[in-house]
Protein backbone atom coordinates (compact mmCIF):
# COMPACT_ATOMS: atom_id res chain seq x y z
CA UNK A 1 0.00 0.00 0.00
CA UNK A 2 1.35 3.40 -0.97
CA UNK A 3 -0.36 6.52 0.41
CA UNK A 4 1.18 9.13 -1.88
CA UNK A 5 -0.02 12.65 -0.98
CA UNK A 6 -2.40 11.81 1.88
CA UNK A 7 -1.90 11.00 5.57
CA UNK A 8 -1.87 7.40 6.81
CA UNK A 9 -5.19 7.60 8.71
CA UNK A 10 -6.93 9.14 5.71
CA UNK A 11 -5.16 6.68 3.42
CA UNK A 12 -6.61 3.59 5.10
CA UNK A 13 -10.16 4.82 4.54
CA UNK A 14 -9.36 5.77 0.92
CA UNK A 15 -7.96 2.29 0.30
CA UNK A 16 -11.12 0.68 1.73
CA UNK A 17 -13.30 2.82 -0.55
CA UNK A 18 -11.12 2.01 -3.58
CA UNK A 19 -11.24 -1.72 -2.88
CA UNK A 20 -15.01 -1.50 -2.36
CA UNK A 21 -15.52 -0.22 -5.90
CA UNK A 22 -14.43 -3.59 -7.25
CA UNK A 23 -17.57 -5.29 -5.98
CA UNK A 24 -18.20 -8.52 -4.13
CA UNK A 25 -16.14 -11.50 -5.11
CA UNK A 26 -13.39 -9.48 -6.77
CA UNK A 27 -10.01 -11.13 -7.32
CA UNK A 28 -7.52 -10.83 -4.45
CA UNK A 29 -6.00 -7.36 -4.10
CA UNK A 30 -2.23 -7.36 -4.47
CA UNK A 31 -1.55 -3.64 -3.97
CA UNK A 32 -3.16 -0.21 -3.74
CA UNK A 33 -1.29 2.97 -4.68
CA UNK A 34 -2.76 6.39 -3.86
CA UNK A 35 -1.50 9.12 -6.17
CA UNK A 36 -2.22 12.75 -6.96
CA UNK A 37 -4.22 13.08 -10.19
CA UNK A 38 -2.90 14.93 -13.20
CA UNK A 39 -4.41 18.37 -13.78
CA UNK A 40 -6.41 17.06 -16.73
CA UNK A 41 -7.93 14.14 -14.83
CA UNK A 42 -11.52 14.93 -13.92
CA UNK A 43 -14.12 12.88 -12.13
CA UNK A 44 -17.75 13.04 -13.23
CA UNK A 45 -20.45 14.12 -10.75
CA UNK A 46 -21.15 11.66 -7.95
CA UNK A 47 -22.35 11.55 -4.39
CA UNK A 48 -24.35 14.72 -4.82
CA UNK A 49 -21.40 16.73 -6.13
CA UNK A 50 -22.41 18.95 -9.07
CA UNK A 51 -20.46 19.07 -12.33
CA UNK A 52 -17.11 17.57 -13.23
CA UNK A 53 -14.28 18.28 -10.84
CA UNK A 54 -10.68 17.34 -10.36
CA UNK A 55 -10.38 14.04 -8.53
CA UNK A 56 -9.01 14.40 -5.01
CA UNK A 57 -6.73 11.42 -5.50
CA UNK A 58 -6.57 8.40 -7.72
CA UNK A 59 -6.14 4.88 -6.44
CA UNK A 60 -4.55 2.21 -8.59
CA UNK A 61 -5.89 -1.09 -7.30
CA UNK A 62 -3.95 -4.09 -8.61
CA UNK A 63 -5.57 -7.51 -8.31
CA UNK A 64 -4.62 -10.90 -9.70
CA UNK A 65 -6.81 -9.96 -12.70
CA UNK A 66 -5.03 -6.65 -13.45
CA UNK A 67 -5.15 -3.00 -12.42
CA UNK A 68 -8.14 -0.68 -12.01
CA UNK A 69 -7.76 3.07 -11.56
CA UNK A 70 -10.35 4.66 -9.28
CA UNK A 71 -11.00 8.39 -8.83
CA UNK A 72 -11.77 9.44 -5.25
CA UNK A 73 -12.97 12.75 -3.84
CA UNK A 74 -12.90 13.90 -0.22
CA UNK A 75 -16.08 15.04 1.49
CA UNK A 76 -16.97 15.90 5.07
CA UNK A 77 -17.54 12.18 5.66
CA UNK A 78 -14.16 11.15 4.30
CA UNK A 79 -13.15 9.71 0.94
CA UNK A 80 -15.81 8.53 -1.46
CA UNK A 81 -15.81 6.88 -4.85
CA UNK A 82 -16.21 9.18 -7.80
CA UNK A 83 -15.34 7.26 -10.93
CA UNK A 84 -13.52 4.43 -12.58
CA UNK A 85 -10.82 5.79 -14.84
CA UNK A 86 -9.87 3.63 -17.77
PDB file of N, CA and C in Angstrom:
ATOM      1  N   UNK A   1       0.852  -1.180   0.000  1.00  0.00           N
ATOM      2  CA  UNK A   1       0.000   0.000   0.000  1.00  0.00           C
ATOM      3  C   UNK A   1       0.891   1.234   0.000  1.00  0.00           C
ATOM      4  N   UNK A   2       0.608   2.151  -0.896  1.00  0.00           N
ATOM      5  CA  UNK A   2       1.346   3.404  -0.967  1.00  0.00           C
ATOM      6  C   UNK A   2       0.356   4.553  -0.842  1.00  0.00           C
ATOM      7  N   UNK A   3       0.614   5.472   0.111  1.00  0.00           N
ATOM      8  CA  UNK A   3      -0.361   6.522   0.410  1.00  0.00           C
ATOM      9  C   UNK A   3      -0.168   7.808  -0.375  1.00  0.00           C
ATOM     10  N   UNK A   4       0.967   7.947  -1.066  1.00  0.00           N
ATOM     11  CA  UNK A   4       1.182   9.130  -1.876  1.00  0.00           C
ATOM     12  C   UNK A   4       0.984  10.413  -1.090  1.00  0.00           C
ATOM     13  N   UNK A   5       0.089  11.308  -1.574  1.00  0.00           N
ATOM     14  CA  UNK A   5      -0.017  12.646  -0.980  1.00  0.00           C
ATOM     15  C   UNK A   5      -0.916  12.759   0.249  1.00  0.00           C
ATOM     16  N   UNK A   6      -1.473  11.666   0.749  1.00  0.00           N
ATOM     17  CA  UNK A   6      -2.401  11.807   1.883  1.00  0.00           C
ATOM     18  C   UNK A   6      -1.877  11.089   3.131  1.00  0.00           C
ATOM     19  N   UNK A   7      -2.351  11.530   4.286  1.00  0.00           N
ATOM     20  CA  UNK A   7      -1.900  11.004   5.574  1.00  0.00           C
ATOM     21  C   UNK A   7      -2.347   9.556   5.765  1.00  0.00           C
ATOM     22  N   UNK A   8      -1.612   8.830   6.592  1.00  0.00           N
ATOM     23  CA  UNK A   8      -1.867   7.405   6.811  1.00  0.00           C
ATOM     24  C   UNK A   8      -3.307   7.113   7.245  1.00  0.00           C
ATOM     25  N   UNK A   9      -3.834   7.858   8.218  1.00  0.00           N
ATOM     26  CA  UNK A   9      -5.193   7.595   8.710  1.00  0.00           C
ATOM     27  C   UNK A   9      -6.216   7.795   7.595  1.00  0.00           C
ATOM     28  N   UNK A  10      -6.041   8.848   6.827  1.00  0.00           N
ATOM     29  CA  UNK A  10      -6.930   9.136   5.707  1.00  0.00           C
ATOM     30  C   UNK A  10      -6.740   8.098   4.606  1.00  0.00           C
ATOM     31  N   UNK A  11      -5.512   7.636   4.459  1.00  0.00           N
ATOM     32  CA  UNK A  11      -5.165   6.680   3.419  1.00  0.00           C
ATOM     33  C   UNK A  11      -5.900   5.352   3.616  1.00  0.00           C
ATOM     34  N   UNK A  12      -5.965   4.883   4.842  1.00  0.00           N
ATOM     35  CA  UNK A  12      -6.609   3.591   5.101  1.00  0.00           C
ATOM     36  C   UNK A  12      -8.066   3.611   4.674  1.00  0.00           C
ATOM     37  N   UNK A  13      -8.766   4.718   4.943  1.00  0.00           N
ATOM     38  CA  UNK A  13     -10.158   4.822   4.536  1.00  0.00           C
ATOM     39  C   UNK A  13     -10.271   4.915   3.019  1.00  0.00           C
ATOM     40  N   UNK A  14      -9.355   5.654   2.383  1.00  0.00           N
ATOM     41  CA  UNK A  14      -9.356   5.773   0.923  1.00  0.00           C
ATOM     42  C   UNK A  14      -9.129   4.415   0.271  1.00  0.00           C
ATOM     43  N   UNK A  15      -8.239   3.626   0.829  1.00  0.00           N
ATOM     44  CA  UNK A  15      -7.963   2.290   0.303  1.00  0.00           C
ATOM     45  C   UNK A  15      -9.205   1.406   0.418  1.00  0.00           C
ATOM     46  N   UNK A  16      -9.903   1.472   1.555  1.00  0.00           N
ATOM     47  CA  UNK A  16     -11.123   0.675   1.728  1.00  0.00           C
ATOM     48  C   UNK A  16     -12.170   1.050   0.692  1.00  0.00           C
ATOM     49  N   UNK A  17     -12.327   2.354   0.442  1.00  0.00           N
ATOM     50  CA  UNK A  17     -13.297   2.815  -0.555  1.00  0.00           C
ATOM     51  C   UNK A  17     -12.887   2.325  -1.941  1.00  0.00           C
ATOM     52  N   UNK A  18     -11.602   2.447  -2.263  1.00  0.00           N
ATOM     53  CA  UNK A  18     -11.120   2.014  -3.578  1.00  0.00           C
ATOM     54  C   UNK A  18     -11.349   0.524  -3.779  1.00  0.00           C
ATOM     55  N   UNK A  19     -11.026  -0.273  -2.781  1.00  0.00           N
ATOM     56  CA  UNK A  19     -11.238  -1.721  -2.879  1.00  0.00           C
ATOM     57  C   UNK A  19     -12.725  -2.040  -3.006  1.00  0.00           C
ATOM     58  N   UNK A  20     -13.566  -1.270  -2.321  1.00  0.00           N
ATOM     59  CA  UNK A  20     -15.007  -1.504  -2.359  1.00  0.00           C
ATOM     60  C   UNK A  20     -15.623  -1.270  -3.719  1.00  0.00           C
ATOM     61  N   UNK A  21     -14.968  -0.467  -4.569  1.00  0.00           N
ATOM     62  CA  UNK A  21     -15.515  -0.215  -5.904  1.00  0.00           C
ATOM     63  C   UNK A  21     -15.414  -1.435  -6.806  1.00  0.00           C
ATOM     64  N   UNK A  22     -14.614  -2.405  -6.407  1.00  0.00           N
ATOM     65  CA  UNK A  22     -14.428  -3.585  -7.250  1.00  0.00           C
ATOM     66  C   UNK A  22     -15.592  -4.563  -7.143  1.00  0.00           C
ATOM     67  N   UNK A  23     -16.400  -4.424  -6.116  1.00  0.00           N
ATOM     68  CA  UNK A  23     -17.573  -5.287  -5.976  1.00  0.00           C
ATOM     69  C   UNK A  23     -17.266  -6.579  -5.253  1.00  0.00           C
ATOM     70  N   UNK A  24     -18.329  -7.258  -4.868  1.00  0.00           N
ATOM     71  CA  UNK A  24     -18.196  -8.515  -4.130  1.00  0.00           C
ATOM     72  C   UNK A  24     -17.546  -9.572  -5.010  1.00  0.00           C
ATOM     73  N   UNK A  25     -16.746 -10.399  -4.388  1.00  0.00           N
ATOM     74  CA  UNK A  25     -16.138 -11.504  -5.108  1.00  0.00           C
ATOM     75  C   UNK A  25     -15.027 -11.103  -6.059  1.00  0.00           C
ATOM     76  N   UNK A  26     -14.472  -9.898  -5.874  1.00  0.00           N
ATOM     77  CA  UNK A  26     -13.389  -9.479  -6.771  1.00  0.00           C
ATOM     78  C   UNK A  26     -12.136 -10.320  -6.523  1.00  0.00           C
ATOM     79  N   UNK A  27     -11.251 -10.373  -7.522  1.00  0.00           N
ATOM     80  CA  UNK A  27     -10.005 -11.127  -7.322  1.00  0.00           C
ATOM     81  C   UNK A  27      -9.191 -10.539  -6.167  1.00  0.00           C
ATOM     82  N   UNK A  28      -8.320 -11.328  -5.580  1.00  0.00           N
ATOM     83  CA  UNK A  28      -7.522 -10.829  -4.447  1.00  0.00           C
ATOM     84  C   UNK A  28      -6.727  -9.571  -4.811  1.00  0.00           C
ATOM     85  N   UNK A  29      -6.732  -8.612  -3.887  1.00  0.00           N
ATOM     86  CA  UNK A  29      -6.002  -7.362  -4.100  1.00  0.00           C
ATOM     87  C   UNK A  29      -4.528  -7.581  -3.746  1.00  0.00           C
ATOM     88  N   UNK A  30      -3.663  -7.221  -4.689  1.00  0.00           N
ATOM     89  CA  UNK A  30      -2.227  -7.356  -4.469  1.00  0.00           C
ATOM     90  C   UNK A  30      -1.626  -6.068  -3.922  1.00  0.00           C
ATOM     91  N   UNK A  31      -2.086  -4.917  -4.445  1.00  0.00           N
ATOM     92  CA  UNK A  31      -1.551  -3.643  -3.967  1.00  0.00           C
ATOM     93  C   UNK A  31      -2.528  -2.518  -4.267  1.00  0.00           C
ATOM     94  N   UNK A  32      -2.393  -1.432  -3.502  1.00  0.00           N
ATOM     95  CA  UNK A  32      -3.159  -0.207  -3.739  1.00  0.00           C
ATOM     96  C   UNK A  32      -2.178   0.954  -3.648  1.00  0.00           C
ATOM     97  N   UNK A  33      -2.149   1.781  -4.679  1.00  0.00           N
ATOM     98  CA  UNK A  33      -1.295   2.969  -4.682  1.00  0.00           C
ATOM     99  C   UNK A  33      -2.172   4.206  -4.792  1.00  0.00           C
ATOM    100  N   UNK A  34      -2.029   5.124  -3.835  1.00  0.00           N
ATOM    101  CA  UNK A  34      -2.763   6.388  -3.855  1.00  0.00           C
ATOM    102  C   UNK A  34      -1.842   7.439  -4.472  1.00  0.00           C
ATOM    103  N   UNK A  35      -2.317   8.136  -5.492  1.00  0.00           N
ATOM    104  CA  UNK A  35      -1.498   9.125  -6.175  1.00  0.00           C
ATOM    105  C   UNK A  35      -2.293  10.406  -6.401  1.00  0.00           C
ATOM    106  N   UNK A  36      -1.577  11.495  -6.586  1.00  0.00           N
ATOM    107  CA  UNK A  36      -2.216  12.753  -6.963  1.00  0.00           C
ATOM    108  C   UNK A  36      -2.616  12.648  -8.432  1.00  0.00           C
ATOM    109  N   UNK A  37      -3.794  13.141  -8.792  1.00  0.00           N
ATOM    110  CA  UNK A  37      -4.218  13.078 -10.192  1.00  0.00           C
ATOM    111  C   UNK A  37      -3.492  14.127 -11.032  1.00  0.00           C
ATOM    112  N   UNK A  38      -3.435  13.886 -12.329  1.00  0.00           N
ATOM    113  CA  UNK A  38      -2.899  14.927 -13.204  1.00  0.00           C
ATOM    114  C   UNK A  38      -3.927  16.045 -13.290  1.00  0.00           C
ATOM    115  N   UNK A  39      -3.511  17.213 -13.708  1.00  0.00           N
ATOM    116  CA  UNK A  39      -4.409  18.368 -13.777  1.00  0.00           C
ATOM    117  C   UNK A  39      -5.567  18.138 -14.736  1.00  0.00           C
ATOM    118  N   UNK A  40      -5.367  17.305 -15.730  1.00  0.00           N
ATOM    119  CA  UNK A  40      -6.406  17.058 -16.732  1.00  0.00           C
ATOM    120  C   UNK A  40      -7.388  15.964 -16.309  1.00  0.00           C
ATOM    121  N   UNK A  41      -7.115  15.284 -15.221  1.00  0.00           N
ATOM    122  CA  UNK A  41      -7.927  14.139 -14.826  1.00  0.00           C
ATOM    123  C   UNK A  41      -9.137  14.610 -14.033  1.00  0.00           C
ATOM    124  N   UNK A  42     -10.310  14.500 -14.614  1.00  0.00           N
ATOM    125  CA  UNK A  42     -11.519  14.928 -13.921  1.00  0.00           C
ATOM    126  C   UNK A  42     -12.404  13.741 -13.601  1.00  0.00           C
ATOM    127  N   UNK A  43     -13.147  13.884 -12.538  1.00  0.00           N
ATOM    128  CA  UNK A  43     -14.117  12.877 -12.130  1.00  0.00           C
ATOM    129  C   UNK A  43     -15.513  13.415 -12.439  1.00  0.00           C
ATOM    130  N   UNK A  44     -16.384  12.579 -12.970  1.00  0.00           N
ATOM    131  CA  UNK A  44     -17.751  13.038 -13.229  1.00  0.00           C
ATOM    132  C   UNK A  44     -18.508  13.247 -11.919  1.00  0.00           C
ATOM    133  N   UNK A  45     -19.675  13.890 -11.981  1.00  0.00           N
ATOM    134  CA  UNK A  45     -20.453  14.120 -10.755  1.00  0.00           C
ATOM    135  C   UNK A  45     -20.786  12.803 -10.043  1.00  0.00           C
ATOM    136  N   UNK A  46     -20.746  12.833  -8.734  1.00  0.00           N
ATOM    137  CA  UNK A  46     -21.151  11.663  -7.949  1.00  0.00           C
ATOM    138  C   UNK A  46     -21.416  12.099  -6.523  1.00  0.00           C
ATOM    139  N   UNK A  47     -22.125  11.288  -5.806  1.00  0.00           N
ATOM    140  CA  UNK A  47     -22.348  11.545  -4.388  1.00  0.00           C
ATOM    141  C   UNK A  47     -22.937  12.910  -4.095  1.00  0.00           C
ATOM    142  N   UNK A  48     -23.728  13.426  -5.028  1.00  0.00           N
ATOM    143  CA  UNK A  48     -24.350  14.719  -4.817  1.00  0.00           C
ATOM    144  C   UNK A  48     -23.483  15.905  -5.201  1.00  0.00           C
ATOM    145  N   UNK A  49     -22.274  15.629  -5.714  1.00  0.00           N
ATOM    146  CA  UNK A  49     -21.404  16.733  -6.135  1.00  0.00           C
ATOM    147  C   UNK A  49     -21.790  17.179  -7.535  1.00  0.00           C
ATOM    148  N   UNK A  50     -22.001  18.479  -7.750  1.00  0.00           N
ATOM    149  CA  UNK A  50     -22.411  18.953  -9.070  1.00  0.00           C
ATOM    150  C   UNK A  50     -21.232  19.089 -10.023  1.00  0.00           C
ATOM    151  N   UNK A  51     -21.460  18.802 -11.293  1.00  0.00           N
ATOM    152  CA  UNK A  51     -20.459  19.066 -12.331  1.00  0.00           C
ATOM    153  C   UNK A  51     -19.197  18.234 -12.217  1.00  0.00           C
ATOM    154  N   UNK A  52     -18.393  18.263 -13.262  1.00  0.00           N
ATOM    155  CA  UNK A  52     -17.114  17.572 -13.226  1.00  0.00           C
ATOM    156  C   UNK A  52     -16.134  18.358 -12.365  1.00  0.00           C
ATOM    157  N   UNK A  53     -15.237  17.656 -11.746  1.00  0.00           N
ATOM    158  CA  UNK A  53     -14.284  18.281 -10.839  1.00  0.00           C
ATOM    159  C   UNK A  53     -13.004  17.471 -10.858  1.00  0.00           C
ATOM    160  N   UNK A  54     -11.938  18.070 -10.432  1.00  0.00           N
ATOM    161  CA  UNK A  54     -10.678  17.341 -10.357  1.00  0.00           C
ATOM    162  C   UNK A  54     -10.794  16.301  -9.253  1.00  0.00           C
ATOM    163  N   UNK A  55     -10.366  15.094  -9.543  1.00  0.00           N
ATOM    164  CA  UNK A  55     -10.385  14.039  -8.534  1.00  0.00           C
ATOM    165  C   UNK A  55      -9.476  14.452  -7.377  1.00  0.00           C
ATOM    166  N   UNK A  56      -9.866  14.114  -6.152  1.00  0.00           N
ATOM    167  CA  UNK A  56      -9.013  14.405  -5.011  1.00  0.00           C
ATOM    168  C   UNK A  56      -7.726  13.613  -5.076  1.00  0.00           C
ATOM    169  N   UNK A  57      -7.865  12.320  -5.282  1.00  0.00           N
ATOM    170  CA  UNK A  57      -6.731  11.421  -5.502  1.00  0.00           C
ATOM    171  C   UNK A  57      -7.195  10.328  -6.455  1.00  0.00           C
ATOM    172  N   UNK A  58      -6.232   9.619  -6.999  1.00  0.00           N
ATOM    173  CA  UNK A  58      -6.572   8.401  -7.721  1.00  0.00           C
ATOM    174  C   UNK A  58      -5.960   7.230  -6.976  1.00  0.00           C
ATOM    175  N   UNK A  59      -6.629   6.102  -7.055  1.00  0.00           N
ATOM    176  CA  UNK A  59      -6.136   4.881  -6.437  1.00  0.00           C
ATOM    177  C   UNK A  59      -5.974   3.839  -7.529  1.00  0.00           C
ATOM    178  N   UNK A  60      -4.792   3.288  -7.631  1.00  0.00           N
ATOM    179  CA  UNK A  60      -4.551   2.215  -8.594  1.00  0.00           C
ATOM    180  C   UNK A  60      -4.599   0.917  -7.810  1.00  0.00           C
ATOM    181  N   UNK A  61      -5.665   0.156  -8.028  1.00  0.00           N
ATOM    182  CA  UNK A  61      -5.888  -1.089  -7.297  1.00  0.00           C
ATOM    183  C   UNK A  61      -5.466  -2.242  -8.210  1.00  0.00           C
ATOM    184  N   UNK A  62      -4.438  -2.965  -7.811  1.00  0.00           N
ATOM    185  CA  UNK A  62      -3.950  -4.090  -8.605  1.00  0.00           C
ATOM    186  C   UNK A  62      -4.412  -5.390  -7.969  1.00  0.00           C
ATOM    187  N   UNK A  63      -5.111  -6.199  -8.762  1.00  0.00           N
ATOM    188  CA  UNK A  63      -5.566  -7.512  -8.310  1.00  0.00           C
ATOM    189  C   UNK A  63      -4.893  -8.571  -9.181  1.00  0.00           C
ATOM    190  N   UNK A  64      -5.177  -9.820  -8.893  1.00  0.00           N
ATOM    191  CA  UNK A  64      -4.618 -10.896  -9.703  1.00  0.00           C
ATOM    192  C   UNK A  64      -5.163 -10.851 -11.130  1.00  0.00           C
ATOM    193  N   UNK A  65      -6.230 -10.077 -11.357  1.00  0.00           N
ATOM    194  CA  UNK A  65      -6.815  -9.958 -12.697  1.00  0.00           C
ATOM    195  C   UNK A  65      -6.347  -8.694 -13.431  1.00  0.00           C
ATOM    196  N   UNK A  66      -5.497  -7.875 -12.803  1.00  0.00           N
ATOM    197  CA  UNK A  66      -5.029  -6.652 -13.448  1.00  0.00           C
ATOM    198  C   UNK A  66      -5.271  -5.431 -12.583  1.00  0.00           C
ATOM    199  N   UNK A  67      -5.066  -4.251 -13.180  1.00  0.00           N
ATOM    200  CA  UNK A  67      -5.154  -3.004 -12.422  1.00  0.00           C
ATOM    201  C   UNK A  67      -6.395  -2.214 -12.804  1.00  0.00           C
ATOM    202  N   UNK A  68      -7.001  -1.578 -11.807  1.00  0.00           N
ATOM    203  CA  UNK A  68      -8.137  -0.683 -12.006  1.00  0.00           C
ATOM    204  C   UNK A  68      -7.786   0.649 -11.372  1.00  0.00           C
ATOM    205  N   UNK A  69      -8.025   1.741 -12.095  1.00  0.00           N
ATOM    206  CA  UNK A  69      -7.759   3.073 -11.557  1.00  0.00           C
ATOM    207  C   UNK A  69      -9.079   3.697 -11.130  1.00  0.00           C
ATOM    208  N   UNK A  70      -9.132   4.143  -9.891  1.00  0.00           N
ATOM    209  CA  UNK A  70     -10.350   4.662  -9.284  1.00  0.00           C
ATOM    210  C   UNK A  70     -10.131   6.116  -8.887  1.00  0.00           C
ATOM    211  N   UNK A  71     -11.061   6.993  -9.257  1.00  0.00           N
ATOM    212  CA  UNK A  71     -11.001   8.389  -8.828  1.00  0.00           C
ATOM    213  C   UNK A  71     -11.759   8.554  -7.518  1.00  0.00           C
ATOM    214  N   UNK A  72     -11.137   9.210  -6.545  1.00  0.00           N
ATOM    215  CA  UNK A  72     -11.768   9.443  -5.250  1.00  0.00           C
ATOM    216  C   UNK A  72     -11.827  10.940  -4.969  1.00  0.00           C
ATOM    217  N   UNK A  73     -12.865  11.364  -4.298  1.00  0.00           N
ATOM    218  CA  UNK A  73     -12.965  12.746  -3.841  1.00  0.00           C
ATOM    219  C   UNK A  73     -13.177  12.737  -2.330  1.00  0.00           C
ATOM    220  N   UNK A  74     -12.765  13.814  -1.673  1.00  0.00           N
ATOM    221  CA  UNK A  74     -12.898  13.902  -0.222  1.00  0.00           C
ATOM    222  C   UNK A  74     -14.088  14.776   0.128  1.00  0.00           C
ATOM    223  N   UNK A  75     -14.919  14.281   1.023  1.00  0.00           N
ATOM    224  CA  UNK A  75     -16.077  15.042   1.491  1.00  0.00           C
ATOM    225  C   UNK A  75     -15.980  15.143   3.006  1.00  0.00           C
ATOM    226  N   UNK A  76     -16.967  15.761   3.615  1.00  0.00           N
ATOM    227  CA  UNK A  76     -16.967  15.898   5.074  1.00  0.00           C
ATOM    228  C   UNK A  76     -16.942  14.535   5.757  1.00  0.00           C
ATOM    229  N   UNK A  77     -17.497  13.519   5.077  1.00  0.00           N
ATOM    230  CA  UNK A  77     -17.539  12.185   5.665  1.00  0.00           C
ATOM    231  C   UNK A  77     -16.332  11.330   5.335  1.00  0.00           C
ATOM    232  N   UNK A  78     -15.348  11.915   4.673  1.00  0.00           N
ATOM    233  CA  UNK A  78     -14.159  11.146   4.299  1.00  0.00           C
ATOM    234  C   UNK A  78     -14.109  10.933   2.791  1.00  0.00           C
ATOM    235  N   UNK A  79     -13.309   9.996   2.368  1.00  0.00           N
ATOM    236  CA  UNK A  79     -13.147   9.713   0.943  1.00  0.00           C
ATOM    237  C   UNK A  79     -14.365   8.961   0.409  1.00  0.00           C
ATOM    238  N   UNK A  80     -14.731   9.278  -0.817  1.00  0.00           N
ATOM    239  CA  UNK A  80     -15.811   8.527  -1.461  1.00  0.00           C
ATOM    240  C   UNK A  80     -15.458   8.295  -2.921  1.00  0.00           C
ATOM    241  N   UNK A  81     -16.043   7.259  -3.471  1.00  0.00           N
ATOM    242  CA  UNK A  81     -15.813   6.877  -4.850  1.00  0.00           C
ATOM    243  C   UNK A  81     -16.417   7.908  -5.778  1.00  0.00           C
ATOM    244  N   UNK A  82     -15.690   8.261  -6.817  1.00  0.00           N
ATOM    245  CA  UNK A  82     -16.215   9.183  -7.801  1.00  0.00           C
ATOM    246  C   UNK A  82     -16.329   8.532  -9.164  1.00  0.00           C
ATOM    247  N   UNK A  83     -15.290   7.837  -9.597  1.00  0.00           N
ATOM    248  CA  UNK A  83     -15.344   7.257 -10.934  1.00  0.00           C
ATOM    249  C   UNK A  83     -14.291   6.184 -11.117  1.00  0.00           C
ATOM    250  N   UNK A  84     -14.547   5.330 -12.092  1.00  0.00           N
ATOM    251  CA  UNK A  84     -13.520   4.432 -12.579  1.00  0.00           C
ATOM    252  C   UNK A  84     -12.858   5.132 -13.753  1.00  0.00           C
ATOM    253  N   UNK A  85     -11.563   5.143 -13.779  1.00  0.00           N
ATOM    254  CA  UNK A  85     -10.820   5.792 -14.844  1.00  0.00           C
ATOM    255  C   UNK A  85     -10.138   4.710 -15.657  1.00  0.00           C
ATOM    256  N   UNK A  86     -10.437   4.684 -16.921  1.00  0.00           N
ATOM    257  CA  UNK A  86      -9.869   3.626 -17.772  1.00  0.00           C
ATOM    258  C   UNK A  86      -8.572   4.101 -18.387  1.00  0.00           C
TER     259      UNK A  86
END
